[in-house]
Every structure is written in structure tokens, then in C-alpha cells.
């Protein structure tokens, strides 16, 4: 094999991980053991381990060593909605998204929401086009796929919507999806705008997603502003995903149905 020695070592360890010879949770050989096995310097071995951790195949616990990461097949979420079929438009929850998970042969659970009335902050105020410190309904929810923490979602609604759609204040899950529920009360979503950001996780996200403390695995934040038939923003949802377990698709134009997931 050609190329730097650290990459050869990383490739050999990667092959052992992908073949199952080094299973999930197994501690990799120590730096000294790798130096002896590959006749390499400490810096070379550290470069190889860095390749594996950067690629998400391994993670390091300070003072304990480097371990094989759990390999999870990513889920592809189509953010756009096909106008002819209504498919796509992943919203991080509700029957549409859970059906997507089920169609991939996996199981999902959605935790009971935490609901509160709170003063709106700058970002939500901008997206909802309301003054800061206005009261809003805030719904927090977490989703799990195959028992793994998969996403966190916080949704903001103008407080006035509760007069027409009182279930927004309930602590029960809105199983049909919040926008479908609002449509039943004459508040139809006719469009939405997504802002997508890859960023480093904060402390609570590291804990929830069980991410490495060195933050080499990022999270994806999808901020969706939903607009009703009067072009008024009626909801802001902020959904956070592990970047290494999720992929996103955007379809424009006449895309074959077989390519829609």
C-alpha cells in the first residue's frame, strides 16, 4: 500500500472495524501496542487514531483509551414535499416521519412532549415576526430510533393559536402532526422555509446524543418556519440531529418517485 504510514495503520484498523474483528465498544490497542505492532512512532500512531476518530469509527475517553464507535446506518430525510404525492417534508415527528422510519425497517418512539408558555427569544421572534418577550407556546420533544437518541425538537407557536387549536397546550403527543392538527382548525400550511446549520454540539446535546466530549462529531440544526394561507408565520420548529446518523435530500422539479425516500 502506498501513502503515509499513519494512513496505512488507520486503513488496517478500519478494515478490522468494518469486518467486525474489532466490535462496537471494544478498546483499541494502546499507543504503545500499536507502535510495536506497526513499527511506528508515537506521532504516527496518534495520526492514525485521529483518522479513525475524525471519521466517526472510534472515540477517545480521556484516561481510558480509544474505543470502537457504534456504526449506525444513516436515515435520509427528504426536506421538500412532492406536490403530487405529498411525500417528503420531514418534520422530525408525526406520522409522516415515523412512517419514513418504519419504511426503512427500523422502529421509532417519540417521548411525551414538555409544554410551556415562555417569553420568545430573538431568533424565534425574528422567525415568527413578533416582538421579543411576547408569550409563545413552546413544545419540546425527543425522538428515538432503534432505542438510540435520534433528534430533539423545540417548536414555537404564537400564544394566540391556542384559542383555535387548544391541543397545542396539551402535554399529550399530537400524533397526526402539529401542522395536520392546525389544518383541521383552518390554519393551513401553504409553505415553509428551512435554515440548515452544521455546528458543534452544546453540553446538553453531548449528553443526550452520547457524543464524544471533544466535539469532533457535529450536529445538524434544521430551523423551519411554517406559513399559513395568509403568509403569516404560525410555527417555528428547531430540530437537532446527530450529523453522523442523518442525511438530507432536497428534490427540485420532476424527480422519479423511486428516488424519493
Protein backbone atom coordinates (compact mmCIF):
# COMPACT_ATOMS: atom_id res chain seq x y z
CA UNK A 1 0.00 0.00 0.00
CA UNK A 2 1.23 3.47 -0.83
CA UNK A 3 0.79 6.62 1.22
CA UNK A 4 1.82 7.80 4.67
CA UNK A 5 2.30 5.15 7.35
CA UNK A 6 -0.34 6.67 9.66
CA UNK A 7 -2.92 6.23 6.90
CA UNK A 8 -1.90 2.60 6.33
CA UNK A 9 -2.38 1.93 10.04
CA UNK A 10 -5.74 3.71 10.02
CA UNK A 11 -6.86 1.73 6.96
CA UNK A 12 -5.87 -1.56 8.58
CA UNK A 13 -7.77 -0.72 11.78
CA UNK A 14 -10.73 0.48 9.70
CA UNK A 15 -10.84 -2.85 7.88
CA UNK A 16 -10.87 -4.70 11.22
CA UNK A 17 -13.70 -2.49 12.50
CA UNK A 18 -15.82 -2.84 9.36
CA UNK A 19 -15.32 -6.62 9.27
CA UNK A 20 -16.36 -6.96 12.90
CA UNK A 21 -12.97 -8.19 14.06
CA UNK A 22 -12.96 -5.12 16.33
CA UNK A 23 -16.53 -4.90 17.59
CA UNK A 24 -18.53 -1.93 18.88
CA UNK A 25 -17.34 -0.85 22.32
CA UNK A 26 -14.03 -2.72 22.12
CA UNK A 27 -10.99 -0.78 23.24
CA UNK A 28 -8.37 -0.39 20.52
CA UNK A 29 -4.78 -1.38 21.29
CA UNK A 30 -2.85 1.22 23.28
CA UNK A 31 -0.46 3.60 21.58
CA UNK A 32 2.49 1.52 22.81
CA UNK A 33 0.92 -1.67 21.45
CA UNK A 34 0.25 -0.07 18.08
CA UNK A 35 3.80 1.29 17.97
CA UNK A 36 5.13 -2.25 18.47
CA UNK A 37 2.69 -3.86 16.03
CA UNK A 38 3.30 -1.42 13.19
CA UNK A 39 6.89 -0.43 13.99
CA UNK A 40 5.79 3.19 14.05
CA UNK A 41 6.49 6.31 16.09
CA UNK A 42 4.03 7.66 18.66
CA UNK A 43 3.16 10.63 16.44
CA UNK A 44 2.40 8.26 13.54
CA UNK A 45 0.13 6.12 15.72
CA UNK A 46 -1.64 9.20 17.05
CA UNK A 47 -2.21 10.36 13.48
CA UNK A 48 -3.84 7.00 12.66
CA UNK A 49 -6.13 7.19 15.70
CA UNK A 50 -7.04 10.74 14.77
CA UNK A 51 -8.10 9.50 11.32
CA UNK A 52 -10.44 6.98 12.92
CA UNK A 53 -11.98 9.41 15.41
CA UNK A 54 -12.44 12.12 12.79
CA UNK A 55 -14.23 9.59 10.59
CA UNK A 56 -16.54 8.56 13.43
CA UNK A 57 -15.21 4.99 13.60
CA UNK A 58 -13.74 5.43 17.06
CA UNK A 59 -13.90 7.77 20.03
CA UNK A 60 -11.46 8.58 22.81
CA UNK A 61 -12.20 8.72 26.53
CA UNK A 62 -9.64 10.73 28.45
CA UNK A 63 -7.52 8.46 30.60
CA UNK A 64 -9.25 5.29 29.38
CA UNK A 65 -8.26 4.85 25.72
CA UNK A 66 -9.80 4.77 22.27
CA UNK A 67 -12.90 2.64 21.59
CA UNK A 68 -14.79 1.43 18.52
CA UNK A 69 -17.90 3.53 17.85
CA UNK A 70 -21.30 2.01 17.22
CA UNK A 71 -21.92 2.06 13.47
CA UNK A 72 -25.47 3.16 12.64
CA UNK A 73 -26.91 3.35 9.11
CA UNK A 74 -27.96 6.96 8.48
CA UNK A 75 -31.58 7.87 7.79
CA UNK A 76 -32.25 10.03 4.73
CA UNK A 77 -34.85 12.73 5.37
CA UNK A 78 -36.40 14.47 2.36
CA UNK A 79 -36.99 18.06 3.41
CA UNK A 80 -39.09 19.02 0.40
CA UNK A 81 -42.68 17.89 -0.25
CA UNK A 82 -43.64 16.37 -3.59
CA UNK A 83 -46.66 18.40 -4.76
CA UNK A 84 -48.30 15.41 -6.48
CA UNK A 85 -47.93 12.80 -3.73
CA UNK A 86 -47.46 14.81 -0.55
CA UNK A 87 -44.43 12.65 0.27
CA UNK A 88 -41.36 14.04 1.96
CA UNK A 89 -41.20 17.21 4.01
CA UNK A 90 -39.59 15.51 7.02
CA UNK A 91 -40.60 17.38 10.13
CA UNK A 92 -38.83 15.46 12.88
CA UNK A 93 -42.04 13.94 14.24
CA UNK A 94 -45.63 12.99 13.49
CA UNK A 95 -47.00 10.14 11.40
CA UNK A 96 -45.16 11.14 8.21
CA UNK A 97 -41.74 10.95 9.80
CA UNK A 98 -42.46 7.81 11.82
CA UNK A 99 -43.74 6.17 8.62
CA UNK A 100 -40.42 7.04 6.98
CA UNK A 101 -38.57 5.32 9.81
CA UNK A 102 -40.83 2.26 9.59
CA UNK A 103 -40.36 2.00 5.81
CA UNK A 104 -36.61 1.66 6.37
CA UNK A 105 -37.22 -1.36 8.61
CA UNK A 106 -36.50 0.47 11.83
CA UNK A 107 -38.56 1.36 14.87
CA UNK A 108 -39.13 4.79 16.38
CA UNK A 109 -40.55 6.14 19.59
CA UNK A 110 -41.41 9.73 20.45
CA UNK A 111 -41.21 10.87 24.07
CA UNK A 112 -44.12 12.67 25.65
CA UNK A 113 -43.73 16.39 24.99
CA UNK A 114 -42.85 19.01 27.56
CA UNK A 115 -45.07 22.06 27.06
CA UNK A 116 -44.67 25.55 28.48
CA UNK A 117 -45.60 29.17 27.98
CA UNK A 118 -42.47 31.26 27.68
CA UNK A 119 -41.17 34.64 26.53
CA UNK A 120 -39.91 34.44 22.98
CA UNK A 121 -36.19 34.97 22.34
CA UNK A 122 -34.52 36.87 19.47
CA UNK A 123 -34.28 34.01 16.97
CA UNK A 124 -37.86 32.78 17.39
CA UNK A 125 -39.18 36.34 17.46
CA UNK A 126 -37.50 37.01 14.11
CA UNK A 127 -38.89 33.86 12.51
CA UNK A 128 -42.41 34.33 13.89
CA UNK A 129 -42.33 38.09 13.20
CA UNK A 130 -43.42 39.02 16.70
CA UNK A 131 -41.83 41.31 19.32
CA UNK A 132 -39.30 39.84 21.71
CA UNK A 133 -40.64 38.84 25.14
CA UNK A 134 -44.06 38.06 23.66
CA UNK A 135 -45.63 34.91 25.16
CA UNK A 136 -45.36 31.82 22.94
CA UNK A 137 -46.30 28.17 23.29
CA UNK A 138 -43.17 26.00 23.40
CA UNK A 139 -43.28 22.23 22.83
CA UNK A 140 -40.14 20.15 23.49
CA UNK A 141 -39.95 16.61 22.15
CA UNK A 142 -37.34 13.88 21.69
CA UNK A 143 -37.31 11.02 19.18
CA UNK A 144 -35.53 7.66 19.40
CA UNK A 145 -34.77 5.24 16.55
CA UNK A 146 -34.00 1.62 17.43
CA UNK A 147 -33.65 2.83 21.02
CA UNK A 148 -30.97 5.39 20.13
CA UNK A 149 -31.48 9.12 20.81
CA UNK A 150 -32.11 10.49 17.31
CA UNK A 151 -33.43 14.03 17.41
CA UNK A 152 -34.50 16.85 19.67
CA UNK A 153 -37.18 19.29 18.57
CA UNK A 154 -38.40 22.54 20.06
CA UNK A 155 -41.45 24.14 18.40
CA UNK A 156 -42.71 27.67 18.99
CA UNK A 157 -46.27 28.84 18.30
CA UNK A 158 -47.90 32.26 18.78
CA UNK A 159 -49.83 32.15 22.07
CA UNK A 160 -53.00 33.28 20.27
CA UNK A 161 -53.24 29.99 18.32
CA UNK A 162 -54.39 28.18 21.46
CA UNK A 163 -57.80 29.88 21.14
CA UNK A 164 -58.42 27.97 17.89
CA UNK A 165 -56.21 24.93 18.46
CA UNK A 166 -56.23 24.19 22.22
CA UNK A 167 -54.36 20.88 21.95
CA UNK A 168 -51.16 22.87 21.43
CA UNK A 169 -51.20 23.35 25.20
CA UNK A 170 -51.76 19.65 25.96
CA UNK A 171 -48.89 17.55 27.22
CA UNK A 172 -50.05 14.65 25.02
CA UNK A 173 -48.35 13.92 21.73
CA UNK A 174 -50.14 15.29 18.65
CA UNK A 175 -49.80 12.01 16.78
CA UNK A 176 -51.11 13.25 13.43
CA UNK A 177 -48.54 16.04 13.47
CA UNK A 178 -48.99 19.62 14.63
CA UNK A 179 -49.48 21.07 11.15
CA UNK A 180 -52.12 18.48 10.26
CA UNK A 181 -53.89 19.32 13.52
CA UNK A 182 -53.76 23.05 12.78
CA UNK A 183 -55.19 22.41 9.30
CA UNK A 184 -58.25 20.82 10.93
CA UNK A 185 -58.85 24.22 12.54
CA UNK A 186 -58.48 26.28 9.38
CA UNK A 187 -54.78 27.07 9.77
CA UNK A 188 -53.27 25.57 6.62
CA UNK A 189 -49.57 25.43 5.99
CA UNK A 190 -49.02 26.63 2.43
CA UNK A 191 -45.26 26.97 2.61
CA UNK A 192 -42.21 26.72 4.81
CA UNK A 193 -38.63 27.94 4.90
CA UNK A 194 -35.76 25.81 6.17
CA UNK A 195 -32.48 27.12 7.54
CA UNK A 196 -29.89 24.35 7.97
CA UNK A 197 -26.74 24.68 10.06
CA UNK A 198 -23.96 22.23 10.89
CA UNK A 199 -22.42 23.21 14.22
CA UNK A 200 -20.62 21.93 17.29
CA UNK A 201 -22.89 20.44 19.97
CA UNK A 202 -23.52 22.11 23.30
CA UNK A 203 -23.20 20.29 26.62
CA UNK A 204 -26.82 19.12 26.79
CA UNK A 205 -26.63 17.77 23.21
CA UNK A 206 -23.41 15.92 24.01
CA UNK A 207 -25.20 14.25 26.91
CA UNK A 208 -28.41 13.44 25.01
CA UNK A 209 -26.77 12.10 21.85
CA UNK A 210 -23.88 10.47 23.77
CA UNK A 211 -21.37 12.39 21.67
CA UNK A 212 -17.60 12.48 22.21
CA UNK A 213 -16.62 15.31 24.53
CA UNK A 214 -14.04 16.57 22.02
CA UNK A 215 -16.96 17.61 19.75
CA UNK A 216 -15.46 16.03 16.63
CA UNK A 217 -18.97 14.84 15.74
CA UNK A 218 -21.18 17.78 14.89
CA UNK A 219 -24.94 18.20 15.00
CA UNK A 220 -27.30 19.45 12.29
CA UNK A 221 -29.88 22.06 13.25
CA UNK A 222 -32.89 22.49 10.94
CA UNK A 223 -34.94 25.62 11.63
CA UNK A 224 -38.30 25.51 9.84
CA UNK A 225 -40.64 28.49 9.65
CA UNK A 226 -44.18 27.47 8.58
CA UNK A 227 -46.56 29.92 6.89
CA UNK A 228 -50.35 29.78 6.69
CA UNK A 229 -52.66 30.74 3.81
CA UNK A 230 -52.29 34.40 4.76
CA UNK A 231 -48.47 34.17 4.61
CA UNK A 232 -48.33 34.56 8.37
CA UNK A 233 -45.73 32.51 10.28
CA UNK A 234 -47.56 30.12 12.59
CA UNK A 235 -44.78 27.85 13.78
CA UNK A 236 -41.03 27.69 14.18
CA UNK A 237 -39.59 24.23 14.74
CA UNK A 238 -35.92 23.76 15.62
CA UNK A 239 -34.82 20.14 15.19
CA UNK A 240 -31.33 18.93 16.09
CA UNK A 241 -29.84 15.67 14.74
CA UNK A 242 -26.51 13.87 15.08
CA UNK A 243 -24.65 14.70 11.88
CA UNK A 244 -23.14 11.23 11.51
CA UNK A 245 -26.51 9.43 11.63
CA UNK A 246 -28.55 11.60 9.29
CA UNK A 247 -28.58 12.69 5.66
CA UNK A 248 -30.92 15.16 3.99
CA UNK A 249 -32.37 15.35 0.48
CA UNK A 250 -33.94 18.27 -1.38
CA UNK A 251 -35.87 17.47 -4.56
CA UNK A 252 -36.47 20.14 -7.19
CA UNK A 253 -38.53 19.57 -10.32
CA UNK A 254 -39.73 16.24 -11.72
CA UNK A 255 -37.90 13.68 -9.60
CA UNK A 256 -38.81 9.98 -10.17
CA UNK A 257 -40.87 8.55 -7.30
CA UNK A 258 -38.42 5.68 -6.92
CA UNK A 259 -35.80 8.21 -5.83
CA UNK A 260 -37.99 9.74 -3.13
CA UNK A 261 -37.41 8.43 0.37
